[in-house]
Amino acid sequence: MRYAVIILTDSTEAIAEYKRAERHRRRREQLRRQRRWYFIKQKLTGISVLAFTAFAVWLLDGDATIAVLTVPLGLYLVFSREMLITNNFYWQTKEREKRGTDFGTVWRDRQPALCAAEYRDTCKSHRLR
């Protein structure tokens, strides 16, 4: 009967660990999708800045003074891997980094749950009975 209690306890711990891992996986996937869309928006913003530059040069009959600022800005937005546009996702990411709750580092540092055999080996009162 004692073994059944240990196995049952271990299986409920395993189920709880699985649910935690599944929640973590879903959250990580959600953050990955948000990050991907963030950088797509950033690249589209850079392309639109370059298009605006071309339109402004055409509108001003070849005066490309505006291009001195907008072309480097547009290219930087398109090719940079840094987060340059400040929106809600940007501030949430910075807050997570400040708190140290980045999912990759937190999950990597967790200790795995004990299986039934390890639990029996560590439980001295169980071996004495």
Protein backbone atom coordinates (compact mmCIF):
# COMPACT_ATOMS: atom_id res chain seq x y z
CA MET A 1 0.00 0.00 0.00
CA ARG A 2 2.85 2.37 0.74
CA TYR A 3 4.24 1.82 -2.73
CA ALA A 4 0.87 2.66 -4.25
CA VAL A 5 0.80 5.95 -2.37
CA ILE A 6 4.30 6.80 -3.55
CA ILE A 7 3.52 5.89 -7.16
CA LEU A 8 0.24 7.79 -7.06
CA THR A 9 1.96 10.81 -5.57
CA ASP A 10 4.71 10.56 -8.16
CA SER A 11 2.22 10.30 -11.02
CA THR A 12 0.29 13.36 -9.81
CA GLU A 13 3.58 15.24 -9.55
CA ALA A 14 4.42 14.10 -13.07
CA ILE A 15 1.04 15.28 -14.33
CA ALA A 16 1.52 18.64 -12.61
CA GLU A 17 5.02 18.89 -14.09
CA TYR A 18 3.62 18.06 -17.54
CA LYS A 19 0.95 20.76 -17.20
CA ARG A 20 3.57 23.30 -16.12
CA ALA A 21 5.75 22.35 -19.08
CA GLU A 22 2.79 22.60 -21.45
CA ARG A 23 1.85 26.06 -20.12
CA HIS A 24 5.47 27.11 -20.48
CA ARG A 25 5.62 25.79 -24.05
CA ARG A 26 2.41 27.61 -25.02
CA ARG A 27 3.62 30.86 -23.46
CA ARG A 28 7.00 30.55 -25.19
CA GLU A 29 5.24 29.95 -28.53
CA GLN A 30 3.02 32.98 -27.95
CA LEU A 31 6.04 35.16 -27.19
CA ARG A 32 7.84 33.82 -30.26
CA ARG A 33 4.86 34.72 -32.47
CA GLN A 34 4.63 38.19 -30.90
CA ARG A 35 8.33 38.75 -31.47
CA ARG A 36 8.08 37.61 -35.09
CA TRP A 37 5.17 40.02 -35.76
CA TYR A 38 7.05 42.81 -34.01
CA PHE A 39 9.99 42.47 -36.39
CA ILE A 40 7.70 42.12 -39.42
CA LYS A 41 6.08 45.43 -38.43
CA GLN A 42 9.52 46.99 -37.94
CA LYS A 43 10.66 45.89 -41.41
CA LEU A 44 7.42 47.15 -42.98
CA THR A 45 7.92 50.49 -41.24
CA GLY A 46 11.44 50.70 -42.69
CA ILE A 47 10.14 49.87 -46.17
CA SER A 48 7.43 52.51 -45.82
CA VAL A 49 10.05 55.10 -44.76
CA LEU A 50 12.05 54.26 -47.90
CA ALA A 51 8.91 54.50 -50.04
CA PHE A 52 8.07 57.84 -48.45
CA THR A 53 11.60 59.01 -49.29
CA ALA A 54 11.20 58.05 -52.94
CA PHE A 55 7.81 59.78 -53.09
CA ALA A 56 9.16 62.92 -51.40
CA VAL A 57 12.11 63.11 -53.80
CA TRP A 58 9.72 62.76 -56.75
CA LEU A 59 7.36 65.35 -55.28
CA LEU A 60 10.19 67.85 -54.67
CA ASP A 61 11.51 67.49 -58.25
CA GLY A 62 14.71 65.65 -57.35
CA ASP A 63 15.66 67.47 -54.16
CA ALA A 64 17.01 64.55 -52.13
CA THR A 65 17.89 66.45 -48.96
CA ILE A 66 15.29 64.47 -47.04
CA ALA A 67 17.03 61.26 -48.09
CA VAL A 68 20.04 62.16 -45.93
CA LEU A 69 17.97 61.27 -42.84
CA THR A 70 15.29 58.88 -44.05
CA VAL A 71 17.35 56.42 -46.12
CA PRO A 72 19.70 55.43 -43.26
CA LEU A 73 16.72 55.29 -40.88
CA GLY A 74 14.72 53.09 -43.26
CA LEU A 75 17.65 50.76 -43.93
CA TYR A 76 18.38 50.50 -40.21
CA LEU A 77 14.75 49.57 -39.53
CA VAL A 78 14.75 46.95 -42.26
CA PHE A 79 18.08 45.22 -41.51
CA SER A 80 18.48 45.64 -37.75
CA ARG A 81 17.85 42.82 -35.30
CA GLU A 82 17.44 45.25 -32.43
CA MET A 83 14.05 46.32 -31.15
CA LEU A 84 13.78 49.90 -32.41
CA ILE A 85 10.05 50.65 -32.36
CA THR A 86 8.69 51.30 -28.89
CA ASN A 87 5.25 49.75 -28.51
CA ASN A 88 3.60 47.58 -25.84
CA PHE A 89 5.57 44.47 -26.81
CA TYR A 90 8.83 46.41 -26.51
CA TRP A 91 7.99 47.61 -22.99
CA GLN A 92 6.77 44.15 -21.90
CA THR A 93 10.03 42.63 -23.12
CA LYS A 94 12.11 45.22 -21.29
CA GLU A 95 10.08 44.65 -18.12
CA ARG A 96 10.60 40.87 -18.36
CA GLU A 97 14.34 41.38 -18.81
CA LYS A 98 14.44 43.74 -15.81
CA ARG A 99 12.52 41.29 -13.60
CA GLY A 100 14.60 38.37 -14.83
CA THR A 101 11.57 36.34 -15.85
CA ASP A 102 12.79 35.46 -19.30
CA PHE A 103 11.30 32.01 -19.90
CA GLY A 104 14.43 30.46 -21.34
CA THR A 105 16.60 31.20 -18.31
CA VAL A 106 13.94 30.44 -15.70
CA TRP A 107 12.97 27.10 -17.22
CA ARG A 108 16.58 26.00 -17.70
CA ASP A 109 17.39 26.55 -14.02
CA ARG A 110 14.49 24.47 -12.68
CA GLN A 111 15.19 21.15 -11.04
CA PRO A 112 13.32 18.10 -12.41
CA ALA A 113 10.80 16.34 -10.19
CA LEU A 114 11.86 13.11 -8.46
CA CYS A 115 10.63 9.84 -9.89
CA ALA A 116 9.25 7.11 -7.60
CA ALA A 117 12.59 5.26 -7.32
CA GLU A 118 14.51 8.41 -6.42
CA TYR A 119 11.81 9.35 -3.93
CA ARG A 120 12.06 5.94 -2.23
CA ASP A 121 15.85 6.22 -2.09
CA THR A 122 15.75 9.65 -0.50
CA CYS A 123 13.01 8.85 1.99
CA LYS A 124 14.78 7.29 5.02
CA SER A 125 11.59 6.56 6.90
CA HIS A 126 10.38 4.45 3.99
CA ARG A 127 13.54 2.28 4.05
CA LEU A 128 13.33 1.73 7.80
CA ARG A 129 9.82 0.26 7.69
